[in-house]
Protein backbone atom coordinates (compact mmCIF):
# COMPACT_ATOMS: atom_id res chain seq x y z
CA UNK A 1 74.13 11.82 151.62
CA UNK A 2 75.31 15.25 152.67
CA UNK A 3 75.19 16.74 156.19
CA UNK A 4 75.76 20.43 156.48
CA UNK A 5 76.43 22.36 159.67
CA UNK A 6 76.49 26.14 159.48
CA UNK A 7 78.01 27.75 162.54
CA UNK A 8 76.71 31.03 163.95
CA UNK A 9 79.63 33.57 164.23
CA UNK A 10 79.63 35.72 167.30
CA UNK A 11 80.61 39.38 167.04
CA UNK A 12 84.36 39.84 167.45
CA UNK A 13 84.08 41.38 170.87
CA UNK A 14 82.19 38.30 172.17
CA UNK A 15 84.66 35.73 170.88
CA UNK A 16 86.81 34.04 173.50
CA UNK A 17 88.63 31.43 171.29
CA UNK A 18 89.19 30.69 167.57
CA UNK A 19 86.28 31.71 165.55
CA UNK A 20 84.27 28.58 164.46
CA UNK A 21 84.18 27.60 160.83
CA UNK A 22 81.46 29.21 158.69
CA UNK A 23 80.38 25.83 157.36
CA UNK A 24 81.13 22.09 157.87
CA UNK A 25 79.93 19.47 155.43
CA UNK A 26 80.12 15.66 155.76
CA UNK A 27 79.35 13.51 152.63
CA UNK A 28 78.81 9.77 152.64
CA UNK A 29 79.45 7.96 149.32
CA UNK A 30 76.28 6.02 148.52
CA UNK A 31 78.29 3.26 146.77
CA UNK A 32 81.27 2.61 149.07
CA UNK A 33 80.22 4.27 152.31
CA UNK A 34 83.43 6.28 152.30
CA UNK A 35 83.19 9.78 153.73
CA UNK A 36 84.33 13.13 152.47
CA UNK A 37 84.43 16.55 154.15
CA UNK A 38 84.33 20.27 153.22
CA UNK A 39 85.06 22.98 155.72
CA UNK A 40 84.74 26.64 154.83
CA UNK A 41 86.48 28.56 157.55
CA UNK A 42 85.57 31.92 156.22
CA UNK A 43 84.70 33.78 153.07
CA UNK A 44 86.33 36.96 151.79
CA UNK A 45 84.51 38.68 148.92
CA UNK A 46 82.27 35.61 148.85
CA UNK A 47 85.14 33.17 147.92
CA UNK A 48 87.39 30.84 149.81
CA UNK A 49 90.49 28.84 148.84
CA UNK A 50 91.88 25.48 149.90
CA UNK A 51 93.05 22.15 148.46
CA UNK A 52 91.38 18.77 148.38
CA UNK A 53 93.26 15.89 149.97
CA UNK A 54 92.66 12.17 149.62
CA UNK A 55 93.95 9.78 152.20
CA UNK A 56 92.73 6.84 154.25
CA UNK A 57 91.87 7.99 157.73
CA UNK A 58 91.11 11.64 156.81
CA UNK A 59 88.77 13.20 159.42
CA UNK A 60 86.51 16.17 159.75
CA UNK A 61 88.64 17.52 162.64
CA UNK A 62 91.76 17.25 160.36
CA UNK A 63 89.97 19.19 157.49
CA UNK A 64 88.77 21.80 160.02
CA UNK A 65 92.31 22.47 161.16
CA UNK A 66 93.56 22.64 157.56
CA UNK A 67 90.86 25.12 156.65
CA UNK A 68 91.81 27.41 159.51
CA UNK A 69 95.42 27.13 158.24
CA UNK A 70 94.25 28.23 154.80
CA UNK A 71 92.71 31.36 156.28
CA UNK A 72 96.10 32.05 157.81
CA UNK A 73 98.01 31.45 154.58
CA UNK A 74 95.77 33.81 152.66
CA UNK A 75 95.95 36.52 155.30
CA UNK A 76 99.70 36.23 155.97
CA UNK A 77 100.41 37.07 152.28
CA UNK A 78 98.12 40.06 152.16
CA UNK A 79 99.59 43.05 150.20
CA UNK A 80 97.11 45.93 149.90
CA UNK A 81 98.93 47.14 146.82
CA UNK A 82 98.79 43.86 144.90
CA UNK A 83 96.25 42.75 142.30
CA UNK A 84 95.83 39.48 144.26
CA UNK A 85 93.87 40.23 147.36
CA UNK A 86 93.13 37.41 149.94
CA UNK A 87 90.31 34.91 149.80
CA UNK A 88 88.88 33.07 152.75
CA UNK A 89 90.19 29.70 153.93
CA UNK A 90 88.69 26.28 153.24
CA UNK A 91 89.71 22.66 152.80
CA UNK A 92 88.35 19.43 151.44
CA UNK A 93 89.18 15.89 152.37
CA UNK A 94 88.14 12.36 151.38
CA UNK A 95 88.68 9.37 153.65
CA UNK A 96 89.95 7.08 150.88
CA UNK A 97 93.48 5.86 149.84
CA UNK A 98 94.60 7.26 146.45
CA UNK A 99 95.78 3.65 145.70
CA UNK A 100 92.20 2.32 146.14
CA UNK A 101 90.91 1.14 142.70
CA UNK A 102 87.64 2.99 143.51
CA UNK A 103 89.38 6.34 144.43
CA UNK A 104 88.68 8.07 141.07
CA UNK A 105 84.99 7.06 141.20
CA UNK A 106 84.72 8.20 144.80
CA UNK A 107 86.38 11.48 143.85
CA UNK A 108 83.92 11.98 141.00
CA UNK A 109 80.85 11.43 143.23
CA UNK A 110 82.36 13.73 145.92
CA UNK A 111 82.81 16.55 143.43
CA UNK A 112 79.27 16.08 142.14
CA UNK A 113 77.97 16.38 145.68
CA UNK A 114 79.86 19.57 146.50
CA UNK A 115 79.38 21.06 142.99
CA UNK A 116 77.25 24.06 144.23
CA UNK A 117 80.17 25.21 146.44
CA UNK A 118 82.70 24.71 143.63
CA UNK A 119 80.57 26.76 141.26
CA UNK A 120 80.09 29.73 143.60
CA UNK A 121 82.41 29.88 146.56
CA UNK A 122 85.12 27.22 146.95
CA UNK A 123 88.32 27.19 144.86
CA UNK A 124 90.42 24.08 145.25
CA UNK A 125 93.55 22.32 143.97
CA UNK A 126 95.77 19.30 144.48
CA UNK A 127 96.81 18.28 148.01
CA UNK A 128 98.02 15.16 149.76
CA UNK A 129 97.11 12.05 147.70
CA UNK A 130 95.58 14.00 144.83
CA UNK A 131 97.38 15.31 141.76
CA UNK A 132 96.20 18.49 139.94
CA UNK A 133 96.02 16.68 136.56
CA UNK A 134 93.69 14.06 138.07
CA UNK A 135 91.55 16.70 139.75
CA UNK A 136 91.35 18.66 136.50
CA UNK A 137 90.25 15.61 134.52
CA UNK A 138 87.48 14.68 137.05
CA UNK A 139 86.32 18.25 137.37
CA UNK A 140 85.79 18.30 133.59
CA UNK A 141 83.96 14.93 133.72
CA UNK A 142 81.37 16.35 136.17
CA UNK A 143 80.82 19.39 133.90
CA UNK A 144 82.61 22.11 135.78
CA UNK A 145 84.81 24.61 134.01
CA UNK A 146 87.62 24.59 136.51
CA UNK A 147 88.41 23.72 140.16
CA UNK A 148 88.88 27.48 140.71
CA UNK A 149 85.93 28.83 138.76
CA UNK A 150 84.46 30.41 141.83
CA UNK A 151 87.12 33.10 141.72
CA UNK A 152 86.54 34.02 138.05
CA UNK A 153 83.92 36.76 138.83
CA UNK A 154 86.64 38.64 140.77
CA UNK A 155 88.96 38.88 137.83
CA UNK A 156 89.31 42.07 135.79
CA UNK A 157 89.95 40.23 132.53
CA UNK A 158 88.86 36.59 132.90
CA UNK A 159 90.06 35.17 129.57
CA UNK A 160 93.57 36.78 129.99
CA UNK A 161 93.79 35.60 133.56
CA UNK A 162 92.82 32.03 132.67
CA UNK A 163 95.38 31.99 129.87
CA UNK A 164 98.10 33.21 132.16
CA UNK A 165 97.45 30.32 134.50
CA UNK A 166 97.31 27.79 131.72
CA UNK A 167 100.56 29.19 130.34
CA UNK A 168 102.21 28.83 133.75
CA UNK A 169 101.05 25.25 134.18
CA UNK A 170 102.58 24.42 130.74
CA UNK A 171 106.09 25.66 131.81
CA UNK A 172 108.62 22.86 132.41
CA UNK A 173 111.87 23.21 134.36
CA UNK A 174 114.27 20.45 133.72
CA UNK A 175 111.42 18.20 132.77
CA UNK A 176 109.24 18.99 135.92
CA UNK A 177 106.14 21.14 135.74
CA UNK A 178 106.54 24.70 137.30
CA UNK A 179 103.41 24.19 139.39
CA UNK A 180 105.07 21.16 141.07
CA UNK A 181 108.20 23.24 141.91
CA UNK A 182 107.01 26.58 143.31
CA UNK A 183 105.81 25.20 146.66
CA UNK A 184 109.06 23.46 147.32
CA UNK A 185 111.02 26.45 146.29
CA UNK A 186 109.17 28.41 148.98
CA UNK A 187 109.82 25.68 151.61
CA UNK A 188 113.49 25.52 150.69
CA UNK A 189 113.75 29.31 150.95
CA UNK A 190 112.09 29.26 154.31
CA UNK A 191 114.66 26.73 155.48
CA UNK A 192 117.56 28.71 154.09
CA UNK A 193 116.35 31.95 155.49
CA UNK A 194 115.77 30.35 158.93
CA UNK A 195 119.23 28.77 158.80
CA UNK A 196 120.75 32.23 158.24
CA UNK A 197 118.73 33.75 161.00
CA UNK A 198 119.79 30.97 163.41
CA UNK A 199 123.50 31.12 162.30
CA UNK A 200 123.41 27.53 161.07
CA UNK A 201 126.04 26.89 158.38
CA UNK A 202 124.47 26.07 155.02
CA UNK A 203 127.16 24.41 153.01
CA UNK A 204 127.00 20.65 153.50
CA UNK A 205 124.26 20.89 156.12
CA UNK A 206 122.18 17.72 156.33
CA UNK A 207 118.46 17.63 155.60
CA UNK A 208 115.89 14.80 155.99
CA UNK A 209 112.59 14.97 154.18
CA UNK A 210 109.44 13.00 154.94
CA UNK A 211 107.33 12.72 151.81
CA UNK A 212 108.54 12.86 148.20
CA UNK A 213 105.49 14.11 146.32
CA UNK A 214 105.30 17.56 144.65
CA UNK A 215 106.16 19.50 147.83
CA UNK A 216 108.76 17.18 149.35
CA UNK A 217 110.42 16.42 146.02
CA UNK A 218 110.81 20.01 144.97
CA UNK A 219 112.10 20.97 148.46
CA UNK A 220 114.73 18.33 148.20
CA UNK A 221 115.75 19.54 144.73
CA UNK A 222 116.16 23.16 145.81
CA UNK A 223 117.98 22.41 149.08
CA UNK A 224 120.38 20.11 147.22
CA UNK A 225 121.02 22.86 144.64
CA UNK A 226 121.80 25.19 147.59
CA UNK A 227 124.53 22.96 148.80
CA UNK A 228 122.71 20.95 151.50
CA UNK A 229 123.04 17.18 151.65
CA UNK A 230 119.72 15.34 151.52
CA UNK A 231 120.65 12.38 153.70
CA UNK A 232 117.19 10.84 154.14
CA UNK A 233 113.89 10.64 152.30
CA UNK A 234 110.87 8.80 153.58
CA UNK A 235 108.00 7.58 151.37
CA UNK A 236 105.07 5.27 151.86
CA UNK A 237 107.35 2.25 151.59
CA UNK A 238 110.11 3.26 154.07
CA UNK A 239 113.15 5.51 154.49
CA UNK A 240 116.09 5.82 152.08
CA UNK A 241 119.25 7.17 153.68
CA UNK A 242 122.85 8.03 152.75
CA UNK A 243 125.03 10.08 155.09
CA UNK A 244 126.97 11.33 152.02
CA UNK A 245 123.83 12.52 150.32
CA UNK A 246 121.19 10.93 148.06
CA UNK A 247 121.01 11.43 144.28
CA UNK A 248 117.93 13.67 144.46
CA UNK A 249 117.63 14.34 140.73
CA UNK A 250 117.73 10.66 139.82
CA UNK A 251 115.06 9.82 142.49
CA UNK A 252 112.85 12.74 141.34
CA UNK A 253 112.74 11.61 137.79
CA UNK A 254 111.96 7.96 138.62
CA UNK A 255 109.36 8.34 141.45
CA UNK A 256 105.68 7.35 140.86
CA UNK A 257 102.82 9.92 140.70
CA UNK A 258 102.37 9.65 144.46
CA UNK A 259 105.99 10.26 145.39
CA UNK A 260 107.03 6.60 145.92
CA UNK A 261 110.69 5.99 145.17
CA UNK A 262 111.68 3.35 142.72
CA UNK A 263 114.06 1.16 144.76
CA UNK A 264 115.79 -0.16 141.68
CA UNK A 265 117.23 3.34 141.16
CA UNK A 266 119.17 3.27 144.49
CA UNK A 267 122.94 3.16 144.60
CA UNK A 268 124.84 0.47 146.45
CA UNK A 269 125.64 2.89 149.23
CA UNK A 270 122.03 3.93 149.77
CA UNK A 271 120.33 2.34 152.75
CA UNK A 272 116.77 1.10 153.11
CA UNK A 273 115.44 1.69 156.58
CA UNK A 274 112.03 1.36 158.28
CA UNK A 275 109.54 4.15 157.50
CA UNK A 276 109.75 5.70 161.00
CA UNK A 277 113.61 6.06 160.78
CA UNK A 278 113.28 9.46 159.08
CA UNK A 279 112.61 11.05 162.47
CA UNK A 280 115.80 10.03 164.15
CA UNK A 281 118.43 10.40 161.39
CA UNK A 282 121.27 12.79 162.24
CA UNK A 283 120.40 16.07 160.53
CA UNK A 284 120.35 19.79 160.91
CA UNK A 285 117.05 20.38 159.09
CA UNK A 286 113.96 18.15 159.14
CA UNK A 287 111.17 18.72 156.61
CA UNK A 288 107.93 16.88 157.23
CA UNK A 289 106.24 17.06 153.82
CA UNK A 290 103.60 14.33 153.92
CA UNK A 291 101.09 13.62 156.67
CA UNK A 292 99.70 15.62 159.56
CA UNK A 293 100.43 15.03 163.24
CA UNK A 294 103.60 13.05 162.49
CA UNK A 295 105.75 14.77 165.17
CA UNK A 296 103.82 14.31 168.39
CA UNK A 297 104.11 13.69 172.14
CA UNK A 298 105.07 10.05 171.50
CA UNK A 299 108.12 10.80 169.35
CA UNK A 300 109.26 14.43 169.64
CA UNK A 301 112.11 13.53 172.02
CA UNK A 302 113.69 11.45 169.15
CA UNK A 303 114.08 14.44 166.85
CA UNK A 304 117.75 15.26 166.33
CA UNK A 305 117.35 18.33 164.02
CA UNK A 306 117.92 21.96 165.07
CA UNK A 307 115.30 23.25 162.65
CA UNK A 308 111.97 21.84 161.49
CA UNK A 309 110.34 23.40 158.47
CA UNK A 310 106.66 22.34 158.01
CA UNK A 311 106.10 21.54 154.33
CA UNK A 312 103.08 19.40 155.25
CA UNK A 313 99.96 20.78 156.88
CA UNK A 314 99.98 20.44 160.71
CA UNK A 315 102.84 17.87 160.99
CA UNK A 316 104.02 19.04 164.49
CA UNK A 317 101.27 18.88 167.17
CA UNK A 318 101.02 21.81 169.61
CA UNK A 319 101.78 19.44 172.51
CA UNK A 320 105.08 18.52 170.86
CA UNK A 321 106.14 22.01 169.79
CA UNK A 322 106.65 23.42 173.35
CA UNK A 323 109.16 20.68 174.46
CA UNK A 324 110.92 20.94 171.09
CA UNK A 325 111.40 24.64 171.70
CA UNK A 326 112.68 23.95 175.20
CA UNK A 327 115.41 21.84 173.57
CA UNK A 328 116.24 24.63 171.15
CA UNK A 329 114.49 23.18 168.16
CA UNK A 330 112.93 25.94 165.99
CA UNK A 331 109.72 25.14 164.01
CA UNK A 332 108.74 27.24 161.02
CA UNK A 333 104.96 26.72 160.84
CA UNK A 334 103.16 25.26 157.87
CA UNK A 335 101.06 28.28 157.09
CA UNK A 336 104.25 30.20 156.52
CA UNK A 337 106.58 27.68 154.93
CA UNK A 338 104.16 26.04 152.48
CA UNK A 339 102.09 29.03 151.61
CA UNK A 340 103.83 29.71 148.28
CA UNK A 341 101.91 27.12 146.30
CA UNK A 342 98.55 28.77 147.14
CA UNK A 343 99.84 32.28 146.63
CA UNK A 344 101.62 31.46 143.26
CA UNK A 345 98.32 30.40 141.79
CA UNK A 346 96.73 33.77 142.64
CA UNK A 347 99.74 35.92 141.90
CA UNK A 348 99.72 34.39 138.38
CA UNK A 349 95.99 34.42 137.87
CA UNK A 350 95.52 38.04 139.05
CA UNK A 351 98.57 39.26 137.12
CA UNK A 352 101.12 40.14 139.83
CA UNK A 353 103.56 37.95 137.96
CA UNK A 354 103.94 36.68 134.49
CA UNK A 355 103.68 32.93 133.73
CA UNK A 356 107.33 32.01 133.61
CA UNK A 357 109.84 30.34 135.96
CA UNK A 358 112.19 33.29 136.67
CA UNK A 359 109.37 35.63 137.87
CA UNK A 360 107.69 32.82 139.73
CA UNK A 361 110.76 31.75 141.68
CA UNK A 362 111.86 35.39 142.33
CA UNK A 363 108.42 36.23 143.76
CA UNK A 364 108.25 33.12 145.88
CA UNK A 365 111.74 33.44 147.31
CA UNK A 366 111.42 37.22 148.01
CA UNK A 367 108.16 36.72 149.88
CA UNK A 368 109.43 33.84 151.85
CA UNK A 369 112.61 35.61 152.92
CA UNK A 370 110.42 38.53 154.05
CA UNK A 371 107.99 36.46 156.02
CA UNK A 372 110.46 34.20 157.79
CA UNK A 373 112.83 37.07 158.68
CA UNK A 374 109.88 39.06 160.09
CA UNK A 375 108.56 36.15 162.09
CA UNK A 376 111.95 35.08 163.56
CA UNK A 377 112.80 38.68 164.34
CA UNK A 378 109.50 39.10 166.15
CA UNK A 379 110.04 35.73 167.94
CA UNK A 380 113.45 36.87 169.24
CA UNK A 381 112.14 40.20 170.39
CA UNK A 382 109.06 38.81 172.27
CA UNK A 383 110.39 35.45 173.33
CA UNK A 384 107.36 33.74 171.80
CA UNK A 385 107.38 30.76 169.51
CA UNK A 386 107.69 31.44 165.76
CA UNK A 387 104.17 29.98 165.36
CA UNK A 388 102.81 32.49 167.88
CA UNK A 389 104.60 35.32 166.20
CA UNK A 390 103.24 34.26 162.78
CA UNK A 391 99.71 33.87 164.22
CA UNK A 392 99.90 37.42 165.58
CA UNK A 393 100.89 38.76 162.21
CA UNK A 394 98.04 36.78 160.64
CA UNK A 395 95.56 38.29 163.09
CA UNK A 396 96.73 41.82 162.34
CA UNK A 397 96.31 41.17 158.58
CA UNK A 398 92.86 39.62 159.08
CA UNK A 399 91.78 42.78 160.95
CA UNK A 400 92.95 44.90 157.96
CA UNK A 401 91.26 42.53 155.53
CA UNK A 402 88.00 42.63 157.40
CA UNK A 403 88.11 46.44 157.58
CA UNK A 404 88.54 46.55 153.85
CA UNK A 405 86.13 43.87 152.74
CA UNK A 406 83.82 43.34 155.67
């Protein structure tokens, strides 16, 4: 069963708060009773973009917030001179554990239910609990060409564009797919740029990462390569810590598809701690890269870091961010720090970059340096939170986008 709510959108001059989503859909699986959601925050040129997550406990409110964040990610990376021009924001979510034996069948039935949106308006990709290769396989099983086929009519040369993206997904860097690395490269660059802006020494600085999937794992790799010590990593089973630094490469190559660390690969000096210990480890940089709302009013006072870089979507609640700022903790918001994955797809598909690792990493890092520097400069000048500064920049870009596309 599918329940659809379409929200009337008031004229801009009548809006007094965040614009409501264009569409909200709740689906109930007829076999298991599990629920899935789709929120289209807005359309640009008739198309929207946003990943599909799969986790037990996923809610419509969560997906709504994520869809709004996708609108911000698209708008923030707007370059009127580029081939890639922004899409609207959307998000999908399924309240089902990816470890559930029924998860693949639930995913298939969900995709069948939302097929009309995937065909014409919603482009999607992997997110928390769902790998791109699994999504691609199930998309093919239900008879769709691609999880991003809704964007194909906007391409100048569809066959060439599709081939570019396929070529990019075939690239391996030290045994890891390029598509699994670009997002983390962006998060790492956001952290490094913020550290420079905040005059935090980089060499030997400590970093703790919550989540070791595609985003968290790649972030750990690039920060370790930059000379930081990854002293803690949390996964679904607990926290692994070592004050001298963990062997990131070894752990990366032996984790399972959902980012769980193989404990047999730990060294004698590595410590196994409770899952919640990641929050309180001594560190300069904290990277939440897994679940939403994990830094909140109940635990923000335990954060020891000077800098939080949001690799996950919505990990720091608004109620926690203000007291963190009062203690001098700077938060780089998710729709800035983790926007590279989304943009890289479109930069490649539309032809702004070629399908290779050097151009991909150069583009991601250049854009992230530009965005974070702009946001922190504006934050210092106005005295507002970095999130507020980034939101203001997003609003300005949305105004330009609406003037161009309507």
